[in-house]
N, C-alpha and C. Protein backbone atom coordinates (compact mmCIF):
# COMPACT_ATOMS: atom_id res chain seq x y z
N MET A 1 109.89 108.19 109.28
CA MET A 1 110.30 107.62 108.02
C MET A 1 109.09 107.16 107.25
N ALA A 2 109.17 107.21 105.95
CA ALA A 2 108.00 106.96 105.13
C ALA A 2 107.58 105.50 105.10
N MET A 3 108.31 104.60 105.79
CA MET A 3 107.92 103.20 105.79
C MET A 3 106.88 102.91 106.85
N SER A 4 106.28 103.96 107.44
CA SER A 4 105.32 103.75 108.51
C SER A 4 104.11 103.01 108.01
N GLY A 5 104.11 101.73 108.27
CA GLY A 5 102.93 100.92 107.96
C GLY A 5 102.77 100.57 106.51
N LEU A 6 102.37 99.34 106.26
CA LEU A 6 102.05 98.93 104.90
C LEU A 6 100.62 99.33 104.60
N LEU A 7 100.37 99.79 103.39
CA LEU A 7 99.03 100.19 103.00
C LEU A 7 98.41 99.12 102.12
N ALA A 8 97.18 98.77 102.42
CA ALA A 8 96.48 97.77 101.61
C ALA A 8 96.20 98.34 100.24
N LEU A 9 96.39 97.51 99.24
CA LEU A 9 96.16 97.95 97.87
C LEU A 9 95.11 97.10 97.19
N SER A 10 94.11 96.67 97.95
CA SER A 10 93.10 95.80 97.35
C SER A 10 92.30 96.52 96.28
N PHE A 11 92.30 97.86 96.31
CA PHE A 11 91.55 98.60 95.29
C PHE A 11 92.31 98.68 93.98
N ILE A 12 93.56 98.24 93.98
CA ILE A 12 94.34 98.24 92.75
C ILE A 12 94.59 96.79 92.37
N ALA A 13 93.75 96.24 91.53
CA ALA A 13 93.93 94.85 91.09
C ALA A 13 94.26 94.87 89.62
N ILE A 14 95.50 95.17 89.32
CA ILE A 14 95.90 95.38 87.94
C ILE A 14 96.66 94.15 87.45
N SER A 15 96.22 93.59 86.36
CA SER A 15 97.00 92.55 85.71
C SER A 15 98.03 93.24 84.85
N VAL A 16 99.26 92.82 84.99
CA VAL A 16 100.34 93.53 84.35
C VAL A 16 100.69 92.91 83.01
N SER A 17 100.83 93.79 82.03
CA SER A 17 101.26 93.36 80.70
C SER A 17 101.83 94.55 79.98
N ALA A 18 102.90 94.36 79.23
CA ALA A 18 103.46 95.44 78.42
C ALA A 18 102.94 95.32 77.00
N ASP A 19 101.94 94.47 76.78
CA ASP A 19 101.36 94.31 75.46
C ASP A 19 100.41 95.44 75.15
N SER A 20 99.94 95.46 73.92
CA SER A 20 99.04 96.52 73.49
C SER A 20 97.77 96.52 74.31
N GLN A 21 97.31 97.69 74.65
CA GLN A 21 96.04 97.88 75.34
C GLN A 21 95.03 98.30 74.27
N THR A 22 94.01 99.05 74.66
CA THR A 22 93.05 99.51 73.68
C THR A 22 93.75 100.35 72.63
N SER A 23 93.28 100.30 71.43
CA SER A 23 93.89 100.92 70.24
C SER A 23 95.36 100.52 70.16
N ASP A 24 96.24 101.48 69.89
CA ASP A 24 97.65 101.13 69.76
C ASP A 24 98.49 101.65 70.93
N VAL A 25 97.83 102.01 72.03
CA VAL A 25 98.55 102.48 73.20
C VAL A 25 99.18 101.28 73.92
N GLN A 26 100.45 101.43 74.29
CA GLN A 26 101.15 100.41 75.05
C GLN A 26 101.47 100.96 76.43
N VAL A 27 101.47 100.08 77.41
CA VAL A 27 101.83 100.46 78.77
C VAL A 27 103.02 99.61 79.21
N LEU A 28 104.06 100.28 79.66
CA LEU A 28 105.25 99.62 80.19
C LEU A 28 105.22 99.75 81.71
N TYR A 29 105.49 98.65 82.41
CA TYR A 29 105.44 98.64 83.86
C TYR A 29 106.83 98.39 84.46
N SER A 30 107.06 98.96 85.63
CA SER A 30 108.32 98.75 86.33
C SER A 30 108.27 97.50 87.21
N TYR A 31 107.16 96.83 87.21
CA TYR A 31 106.95 95.70 88.09
C TYR A 31 106.18 94.61 87.35
N GLU A 32 106.16 93.43 87.95
CA GLU A 32 105.41 92.32 87.40
C GLU A 32 104.39 91.86 88.43
N GLY A 33 103.31 91.25 87.96
CA GLY A 33 102.32 90.70 88.87
C GLY A 33 101.26 91.69 89.28
N ASN A 34 100.49 91.31 90.27
CA ASN A 34 99.34 92.08 90.74
C ASN A 34 99.74 92.90 91.97
N LEU A 35 99.48 94.19 91.94
CA LEU A 35 99.88 95.05 93.06
C LEU A 35 99.23 94.65 94.37
N SER A 36 98.02 94.13 94.32
CA SER A 36 97.33 93.77 95.57
C SER A 36 98.02 92.61 96.28
N GLN A 37 98.92 91.92 95.61
CA GLN A 37 99.62 90.80 96.21
C GLN A 37 101.06 91.15 96.60
N LYS A 38 101.40 92.41 96.50
CA LYS A 38 102.77 92.83 96.81
C LYS A 38 102.86 93.52 98.17
N LYS A 39 104.05 93.47 98.73
CA LYS A 39 104.34 94.22 99.95
C LYS A 39 104.77 95.61 99.51
N VAL A 40 103.84 96.55 99.63
CA VAL A 40 104.06 97.90 99.09
C VAL A 40 104.12 98.91 100.23
N VAL A 41 105.09 99.82 100.15
CA VAL A 41 105.21 100.88 101.15
C VAL A 41 105.39 102.22 100.43
N PRO A 42 104.87 103.30 101.02
CA PRO A 42 105.12 104.63 100.46
C PRO A 42 106.46 105.16 100.97
N VAL A 43 107.27 105.69 100.06
CA VAL A 43 108.60 106.19 100.44
C VAL A 43 108.80 107.59 99.86
N SER A 44 109.26 108.50 100.70
CA SER A 44 109.65 109.84 100.26
C SER A 44 111.13 110.01 100.58
N VAL A 45 111.90 110.50 99.62
CA VAL A 45 113.35 110.62 99.86
C VAL A 45 113.69 111.82 100.75
N LEU A 46 112.82 112.82 100.82
CA LEU A 46 113.14 114.01 101.61
C LEU A 46 113.33 113.69 103.09
N PRO A 47 112.42 112.94 103.74
CA PRO A 47 112.66 112.61 105.16
C PRO A 47 113.89 111.74 105.38
N ILE A 48 114.26 110.96 104.37
CA ILE A 48 115.42 110.08 104.51
C ILE A 48 116.73 110.84 104.40
N TYR A 49 116.82 111.73 103.41
CA TYR A 49 118.08 112.43 103.12
C TYR A 49 118.11 113.87 103.60
N GLY A 50 117.01 114.36 104.15
CA GLY A 50 116.97 115.74 104.62
C GLY A 50 116.92 116.71 103.45
N PRO A 51 117.29 117.98 103.66
CA PRO A 51 117.18 118.99 102.60
C PRO A 51 117.78 118.59 101.25
N PRO A 52 118.89 117.84 101.19
CA PRO A 52 119.39 117.43 99.87
C PRO A 52 118.39 116.57 99.10
N GLY A 53 117.44 115.94 99.82
CA GLY A 53 116.45 115.10 99.17
C GLY A 53 115.55 115.86 98.22
N PHE A 54 115.53 117.19 98.34
CA PHE A 54 114.73 118.02 97.42
C PHE A 54 115.23 117.86 95.99
N PHE A 55 116.51 117.51 95.85
CA PHE A 55 117.13 117.39 94.52
C PHE A 55 117.38 115.93 94.13
N ILE A 56 116.77 115.01 94.84
CA ILE A 56 116.93 113.58 94.57
C ILE A 56 115.64 113.03 94.00
N ALA A 57 115.75 112.20 92.97
CA ALA A 57 114.56 111.65 92.32
C ALA A 57 114.48 110.14 92.46
N GLU A 58 113.25 109.65 92.51
CA GLU A 58 112.99 108.23 92.33
C GLU A 58 113.03 107.99 90.82
N ALA A 59 113.90 107.12 90.35
CA ALA A 59 114.10 106.94 88.92
C ALA A 59 113.87 105.48 88.52
N VAL A 60 113.23 105.32 87.35
CA VAL A 60 112.98 103.99 86.81
C VAL A 60 113.47 103.94 85.37
N LYS A 61 114.18 102.85 85.05
CA LYS A 61 114.65 102.64 83.68
C LYS A 61 113.63 101.79 82.93
N PHE A 62 113.26 102.25 81.74
CA PHE A 62 112.35 101.53 80.86
C PHE A 62 113.04 101.27 79.52
N GLN A 63 112.51 100.32 78.78
CA GLN A 63 113.00 100.01 77.43
C GLN A 63 111.89 100.37 76.45
N ALA A 64 112.17 101.29 75.53
CA ALA A 64 111.18 101.65 74.51
C ALA A 64 110.90 100.43 73.63
N PRO A 65 109.63 100.13 73.35
CA PRO A 65 109.31 98.95 72.52
C PRO A 65 109.69 99.11 71.06
N LYS A 66 109.98 100.34 70.62
CA LYS A 66 110.42 100.58 69.25
C LYS A 66 111.10 101.94 69.20
N ASP A 67 111.82 102.20 68.12
CA ASP A 67 112.43 103.51 67.95
C ASP A 67 111.35 104.57 67.79
N ASN A 68 111.63 105.74 68.31
CA ASN A 68 110.72 106.88 68.20
C ASN A 68 109.36 106.60 68.85
N TRP A 69 109.40 105.80 69.91
CA TRP A 69 108.18 105.54 70.69
C TRP A 69 107.83 106.80 71.45
N LYS A 70 106.57 107.21 71.45
CA LYS A 70 106.18 108.49 72.03
C LYS A 70 105.42 108.29 73.34
N ILE A 71 106.02 108.82 74.41
CA ILE A 71 105.41 108.74 75.74
C ILE A 71 104.29 109.77 75.83
N SER A 72 103.15 109.36 76.37
CA SER A 72 102.03 110.29 76.54
C SER A 72 101.64 110.49 78.01
N ALA A 73 102.02 109.56 78.89
CA ALA A 73 101.66 109.69 80.30
C ALA A 73 102.58 108.84 81.16
N VAL A 74 102.75 109.29 82.39
CA VAL A 74 103.49 108.54 83.41
C VAL A 74 102.57 108.38 84.60
N GLN A 75 102.53 107.16 85.15
CA GLN A 75 101.71 106.91 86.33
C GLN A 75 102.56 106.30 87.43
N LEU A 76 102.36 106.80 88.64
CA LEU A 76 102.96 106.19 89.81
C LEU A 76 101.90 106.14 90.89
N TYR A 77 102.24 105.55 92.00
CA TYR A 77 101.30 105.48 93.12
C TYR A 77 101.84 106.34 94.24
N GLY A 78 101.02 107.28 94.70
CA GLY A 78 101.50 108.25 95.68
C GLY A 78 100.59 108.37 96.87
N PHE A 79 101.15 108.88 97.96
CA PHE A 79 100.39 109.15 99.18
C PHE A 79 100.89 110.46 99.77
N ASP A 80 99.97 111.40 99.97
CA ASP A 80 100.34 112.72 100.47
C ASP A 80 100.04 112.91 101.95
N GLY A 81 99.68 111.83 102.65
CA GLY A 81 99.44 111.92 104.09
C GLY A 81 97.99 112.17 104.45
N TYR A 82 97.12 112.33 103.47
CA TYR A 82 95.72 112.63 103.77
C TYR A 82 95.03 111.40 104.35
N ASN A 83 94.43 111.57 105.54
CA ASN A 83 93.76 110.43 106.19
C ASN A 83 92.26 110.61 106.31
N GLY A 84 91.72 111.59 105.58
CA GLY A 84 90.28 111.84 105.62
C GLY A 84 89.89 113.01 106.50
N SER A 85 90.80 113.48 107.32
CA SER A 85 90.50 114.62 108.20
C SER A 85 91.01 115.92 107.57
N GLN A 86 90.33 117.01 107.89
CA GLN A 86 90.74 118.31 107.37
C GLN A 86 92.14 118.68 107.86
N GLU A 87 92.49 118.20 109.06
CA GLU A 87 93.81 118.51 109.62
C GLU A 87 94.94 117.89 108.80
N SER A 88 94.63 116.82 108.08
CA SER A 88 95.67 116.14 107.30
C SER A 88 95.75 116.63 105.86
N ALA A 89 94.95 117.64 105.50
CA ALA A 89 95.03 118.18 104.14
C ALA A 89 96.45 118.66 103.88
N PRO A 90 97.05 118.26 102.77
CA PRO A 90 98.47 118.57 102.54
C PRO A 90 98.71 120.04 102.23
N GLU A 91 99.87 120.52 102.61
CA GLU A 91 100.30 121.84 102.19
C GLU A 91 100.69 121.78 100.72
N GLU A 92 100.49 122.87 100.01
CA GLU A 92 100.84 122.90 98.59
C GLU A 92 102.35 122.89 98.45
N ARG A 93 102.85 121.92 97.68
CA ARG A 93 104.27 121.80 97.43
C ARG A 93 104.49 121.46 95.95
N THR A 94 105.73 121.59 95.52
CA THR A 94 106.05 121.36 94.11
C THR A 94 106.64 119.98 93.92
N ILE A 95 106.13 119.28 92.91
CA ILE A 95 106.72 118.01 92.47
C ILE A 95 107.31 118.24 91.08
N ALA A 96 108.16 117.33 90.65
CA ALA A 96 108.74 117.47 89.31
C ALA A 96 108.92 116.09 88.69
N LEU A 97 108.88 116.06 87.37
CA LEU A 97 109.05 114.83 86.62
C LEU A 97 109.97 115.11 85.45
N GLU A 98 110.91 114.19 85.21
CA GLU A 98 111.81 114.32 84.07
C GLU A 98 111.80 113.03 83.26
N ILE A 99 111.98 113.18 81.94
CA ILE A 99 112.25 112.06 81.06
C ILE A 99 113.69 112.25 80.57
N ARG A 100 114.52 111.21 80.72
CA ARG A 100 115.92 111.29 80.31
C ARG A 100 116.24 110.10 79.40
N ASP A 101 117.14 110.33 78.46
CA ASP A 101 117.52 109.25 77.55
C ASP A 101 118.52 108.32 78.24
N LYS A 102 119.01 107.32 77.51
CA LYS A 102 119.89 106.31 78.12
C LYS A 102 121.19 106.90 78.64
N ASP A 103 121.59 108.06 78.12
CA ASP A 103 122.79 108.74 78.60
C ASP A 103 122.48 109.79 79.65
N LYS A 104 121.23 109.77 80.11
CA LYS A 104 120.73 110.68 81.16
C LYS A 104 120.59 112.12 80.69
N ASN A 105 120.58 112.34 79.38
CA ASN A 105 120.31 113.68 78.85
C ASN A 105 118.83 114.00 79.03
N LEU A 106 118.53 115.23 79.42
CA LEU A 106 117.16 115.64 79.68
C LEU A 106 116.38 115.79 78.38
N LEU A 107 115.25 115.08 78.28
CA LEU A 107 114.36 115.19 77.11
C LEU A 107 113.13 116.02 77.42
N TYR A 108 112.70 115.99 78.69
CA TYR A 108 111.47 116.70 79.07
C TYR A 108 111.48 116.91 80.57
N LYS A 109 110.95 118.08 81.00
CA LYS A 109 110.83 118.36 82.43
C LYS A 109 109.48 119.00 82.70
N PHE A 110 108.84 118.56 83.79
CA PHE A 110 107.52 119.05 84.20
C PHE A 110 107.58 119.36 85.68
N ALA A 111 107.01 120.47 86.09
CA ALA A 111 106.91 120.79 87.52
C ALA A 111 105.55 121.42 87.78
N ASP A 112 104.95 121.08 88.92
CA ASP A 112 103.62 121.59 89.24
C ASP A 112 103.38 121.40 90.73
N SER A 113 102.32 122.04 91.23
CA SER A 113 101.86 121.77 92.58
C SER A 113 101.35 120.34 92.64
N GLN A 114 101.55 119.67 93.77
CA GLN A 114 101.04 118.31 93.89
C GLN A 114 99.55 118.26 94.15
N ILE A 115 98.95 119.40 94.52
CA ILE A 115 97.54 119.40 94.94
C ILE A 115 96.60 118.83 93.87
N PRO A 116 96.71 119.20 92.58
CA PRO A 116 95.77 118.63 91.61
C PRO A 116 95.88 117.11 91.46
N TYR A 117 97.01 116.55 91.85
CA TYR A 117 97.25 115.12 91.68
C TYR A 117 97.11 114.36 93.00
N SER A 118 96.82 115.06 94.09
CA SER A 118 96.95 114.47 95.42
C SER A 118 95.79 113.57 95.81
N ASN A 119 96.03 112.78 96.85
CA ASN A 119 94.98 111.96 97.43
C ASN A 119 93.86 112.85 97.95
N TYR A 120 94.24 113.98 98.53
CA TYR A 120 93.26 114.91 99.09
C TYR A 120 92.27 115.38 98.03
N ALA A 121 92.75 115.66 96.82
CA ALA A 121 91.88 116.13 95.75
C ALA A 121 90.85 115.07 95.36
N ARG A 122 91.17 113.80 95.61
CA ARG A 122 90.27 112.71 95.23
C ARG A 122 89.60 112.07 96.44
N ASN A 123 89.83 112.61 97.64
CA ASN A 123 89.29 112.06 98.88
C ASN A 123 89.71 110.60 99.05
N ALA A 124 90.95 110.30 98.70
CA ALA A 124 91.49 108.95 98.84
C ALA A 124 92.46 108.93 100.02
N THR A 125 92.32 107.93 100.87
CA THR A 125 93.15 107.89 102.08
C THR A 125 94.23 106.81 102.02
N LEU A 126 94.42 106.20 100.86
CA LEU A 126 95.49 105.22 100.67
C LEU A 126 96.31 105.62 99.45
N LEU A 127 97.35 104.86 99.16
CA LEU A 127 98.09 105.09 97.93
C LEU A 127 97.11 105.19 96.77
N TYR A 128 97.36 106.15 95.89
CA TYR A 128 96.41 106.42 94.82
C TYR A 128 97.18 106.61 93.52
N PRO A 129 96.65 106.12 92.39
CA PRO A 129 97.36 106.33 91.13
C PRO A 129 97.48 107.82 90.79
N LEU A 130 98.69 108.27 90.58
CA LEU A 130 98.96 109.66 90.22
C LEU A 130 99.43 109.64 88.76
N THR A 131 98.59 110.16 87.87
CA THR A 131 98.89 110.14 86.44
C THR A 131 99.22 111.54 85.96
N ILE A 132 100.37 111.67 85.31
CA ILE A 132 100.80 112.95 84.73
C ILE A 132 100.87 112.78 83.23
N GLU A 133 99.99 113.49 82.54
CA GLU A 133 100.01 113.47 81.08
C GLU A 133 101.08 114.43 80.59
N ILE A 134 101.79 114.02 79.56
CA ILE A 134 102.88 114.84 79.03
C ILE A 134 102.76 114.92 77.52
N PRO A 135 103.43 115.87 76.89
CA PRO A 135 103.42 115.93 75.42
C PRO A 135 104.01 114.65 74.85
N GLN A 136 103.84 114.43 73.60
CA GLN A 136 104.37 113.24 72.95
C GLN A 136 105.90 113.34 72.90
N ILE A 137 106.56 112.75 73.88
CA ILE A 137 108.01 112.78 73.96
C ILE A 137 108.56 111.50 73.34
N ALA A 138 109.35 111.63 72.29
CA ALA A 138 109.89 110.47 71.58
C ALA A 138 111.11 109.92 72.31
N VAL A 139 111.11 108.60 72.48
CA VAL A 139 112.26 107.92 73.08
C VAL A 139 112.61 106.70 72.24
N SER A 140 113.85 106.30 72.33
CA SER A 140 114.33 105.09 71.68
C SER A 140 115.27 104.40 72.66
N ASP A 141 115.37 103.08 72.54
CA ASP A 141 116.27 102.33 73.41
C ASP A 141 115.84 102.50 74.87
N GLU A 142 116.80 102.53 75.78
CA GLU A 142 116.47 102.71 77.20
C GLU A 142 116.23 104.19 77.49
N PHE A 143 115.36 104.44 78.47
CA PHE A 143 115.13 105.81 78.93
C PHE A 143 114.75 105.76 80.41
N TYR A 144 114.81 106.91 81.06
CA TYR A 144 114.55 106.99 82.50
C TYR A 144 113.42 107.97 82.79
N VAL A 145 112.57 107.58 83.74
CA VAL A 145 111.57 108.48 84.30
C VAL A 145 112.05 108.83 85.70
N CYS A 146 112.22 110.12 85.97
CA CYS A 146 112.71 110.59 87.27
C CYS A 146 111.63 111.44 87.93
N PHE A 147 111.20 111.05 89.13
CA PHE A 147 110.17 111.79 89.85
C PHE A 147 110.75 112.36 91.13
N TYR A 148 110.61 113.68 91.30
CA TYR A 148 111.10 114.38 92.50
C TYR A 148 109.91 114.58 93.43
N ASP A 149 109.84 113.79 94.50
CA ASP A 149 108.68 113.90 95.40
C ASP A 149 108.74 115.12 96.30
N ARG A 150 109.94 115.57 96.62
CA ARG A 150 110.18 116.80 97.40
C ARG A 150 109.35 116.87 98.68
N GLY A 151 109.12 115.71 99.27
CA GLY A 151 108.39 115.66 100.53
C GLY A 151 106.89 115.83 100.39
N ALA A 152 106.41 115.98 99.16
CA ALA A 152 104.98 116.21 98.93
C ALA A 152 104.21 114.93 98.72
N VAL A 153 104.85 113.95 98.10
CA VAL A 153 104.19 112.69 97.76
C VAL A 153 105.14 111.53 98.06
N ALA A 154 104.70 110.64 98.93
CA ALA A 154 105.47 109.41 99.15
C ALA A 154 105.13 108.45 98.02
N VAL A 155 106.15 107.93 97.37
CA VAL A 155 105.96 107.10 96.17
C VAL A 155 105.83 105.63 96.56
N GLY A 156 104.83 104.98 95.97
CA GLY A 156 104.64 103.56 96.21
C GLY A 156 105.83 102.76 95.72
N SER A 157 106.32 101.87 96.56
CA SER A 157 107.46 101.04 96.19
C SER A 157 107.25 99.63 96.71
N GLU A 158 107.86 98.71 96.03
CA GLU A 158 107.78 97.30 96.37
C GLU A 158 109.08 96.92 97.06
N LEU A 159 108.98 96.30 98.23
CA LEU A 159 110.17 95.81 98.92
C LEU A 159 110.62 94.53 98.21
N VAL A 160 111.88 94.48 97.82
CA VAL A 160 112.40 93.33 97.09
C VAL A 160 113.60 92.75 97.82
N ASN A 161 113.93 91.52 97.47
CA ASN A 161 115.04 90.83 98.15
C ASN A 161 116.40 91.19 97.59
N GLU A 162 116.44 91.52 96.30
CA GLU A 162 117.69 91.86 95.66
C GLU A 162 117.60 93.25 95.04
N THR A 163 118.73 93.89 94.85
CA THR A 163 118.75 95.22 94.25
C THR A 163 118.06 95.19 92.89
N SER A 164 117.13 96.11 92.69
CA SER A 164 116.38 96.17 91.44
C SER A 164 117.30 96.57 90.28
N LYS A 165 117.04 95.97 89.12
CA LYS A 165 117.83 96.32 87.93
C LYS A 165 117.25 97.53 87.20
N ASN A 166 116.06 98.00 87.62
CA ASN A 166 115.46 99.13 86.90
C ASN A 166 115.02 100.27 87.81
N SER A 167 115.22 100.17 89.12
CA SER A 167 114.85 101.26 90.03
C SER A 167 116.09 101.85 90.68
N PHE A 168 116.12 103.19 90.69
CA PHE A 168 117.31 103.90 91.15
C PHE A 168 116.94 105.14 91.95
N ILE A 169 117.94 105.69 92.59
CA ILE A 169 117.90 107.04 93.14
C ILE A 169 118.75 107.87 92.19
N TYR A 170 118.18 108.96 91.67
CA TYR A 170 118.91 109.82 90.73
C TYR A 170 119.33 111.08 91.47
N VAL A 171 120.64 111.28 91.58
CA VAL A 171 121.16 112.45 92.29
C VAL A 171 122.42 112.93 91.60
N GLU A 172 122.45 114.21 91.28
CA GLU A 172 123.62 114.85 90.66
C GLU A 172 124.12 114.04 89.46
N SER A 173 123.18 113.70 88.57
CA SER A 173 123.47 112.98 87.32
C SER A 173 123.97 111.56 87.52
N GLU A 174 123.87 111.05 88.74
CA GLU A 174 124.29 109.67 89.02
C GLU A 174 123.07 108.82 89.36
N LEU A 175 123.12 107.56 88.95
CA LEU A 175 122.08 106.59 89.29
C LEU A 175 122.63 105.66 90.36
N LEU A 176 121.99 105.66 91.52
CA LEU A 176 122.38 104.80 92.62
C LEU A 176 121.28 103.78 92.85
N PRO A 177 121.60 102.60 93.39
CA PRO A 177 120.55 101.60 93.64
C PRO A 177 119.47 102.17 94.56
N ALA A 178 118.22 101.81 94.28
CA ALA A 178 117.10 102.24 95.11
C ALA A 178 117.10 101.42 96.39
N MET A 179 117.48 102.06 97.48
CA MET A 179 117.58 101.38 98.78
C MET A 179 117.01 102.30 99.85
N ILE A 180 116.44 101.72 100.88
CA ILE A 180 116.00 102.51 102.03
C ILE A 180 116.83 102.08 103.24
N PRO A 181 117.54 103.03 103.86
CA PRO A 181 118.40 102.65 104.98
C PRO A 181 117.58 102.26 106.21
N GLU A 182 117.88 101.11 106.77
CA GLU A 182 117.22 100.64 108.00
C GLU A 182 118.08 100.98 109.21
N SER A 183 119.38 100.93 109.02
CA SER A 183 120.33 101.29 110.07
C SER A 183 121.62 101.72 109.37
N GLU A 184 122.65 101.94 110.15
CA GLU A 184 123.91 102.41 109.55
C GLU A 184 124.48 101.40 108.56
N ASN A 185 124.27 100.11 108.81
CA ASN A 185 124.87 99.08 107.97
C ASN A 185 123.88 98.25 107.17
N VAL A 186 122.59 98.52 107.33
CA VAL A 186 121.57 97.70 106.67
C VAL A 186 120.65 98.57 105.83
N SER A 187 120.45 98.17 104.58
CA SER A 187 119.52 98.86 103.69
C SER A 187 118.64 97.82 103.00
N THR A 188 117.39 98.21 102.71
CA THR A 188 116.45 97.33 102.03
C THR A 188 116.26 97.81 100.60
N PRO A 189 116.44 96.93 99.60
CA PRO A 189 116.23 97.35 98.21
C PRO A 189 114.77 97.55 97.87
N LEU A 190 114.51 98.49 96.97
CA LEU A 190 113.17 98.87 96.56
C LEU A 190 113.00 98.77 95.06
N ASN A 191 111.77 98.64 94.64
CA ASN A 191 111.41 98.76 93.23
C ASN A 191 110.28 99.77 93.16
N TRP A 192 110.52 100.94 92.54
CA TRP A 192 109.49 101.96 92.43
C TRP A 192 108.36 101.45 91.52
N LEU A 193 107.12 101.73 91.90
CA LEU A 193 105.97 101.29 91.12
C LEU A 193 105.56 102.40 90.16
N MET A 194 105.95 102.25 88.90
CA MET A 194 105.63 103.24 87.88
C MET A 194 105.19 102.54 86.60
N ALA A 195 104.46 103.29 85.79
CA ALA A 195 104.05 102.80 84.47
C ALA A 195 104.13 103.96 83.48
N VAL A 196 104.43 103.64 82.23
CA VAL A 196 104.54 104.65 81.19
C VAL A 196 103.64 104.23 80.02
N SER A 197 102.83 105.17 79.54
CA SER A 197 101.97 104.90 78.38
C SER A 197 102.52 105.62 77.17
N GLY A 198 102.35 104.99 76.01
CA GLY A 198 102.82 105.62 74.78
C GLY A 198 102.39 104.83 73.56
N ARG A 199 102.87 105.30 72.40
CA ARG A 199 102.55 104.60 71.15
C ARG A 199 103.60 104.87 70.09
């Protein structure tokens, strides 16, 4: 299971703010606070759900700061299993990213090999920021970012005490609470660590 061990995130000391950054670019975060102070685990839905997990996405709901706000990049934290040895170099697999409006209508879809974005490509052996630049996709009101890890990238997530109001599992057009099953009757709620840049 992808919860094998917590990974230290001391190299990611990000102060979180949804306010304007340099120029007029804004960054929206799915989390609050400093990542280095959080209990963060990498999670992949494929090992949890088996082959159906190929069609399941880690989804985060965001609120556009204004009408016709244009997304330019999505960032998450991923781990592809690379531990510094050649034996751990990941096999090439396909990841996918979708932007959906508040009614879950598809606005944009991206698919690519995970290798250009992987820890292996950067010689990083811990969770690493995975940034996907996208065309200027206009959103208004609430919107969703859906990432299909497909067993290629375990997504950084924060263990939380209560069900997250903005993190979900997206499957067959349905949004389910982001939870990781611990046993038949016990599940732990998660908050996916994602950020969206736009203007």
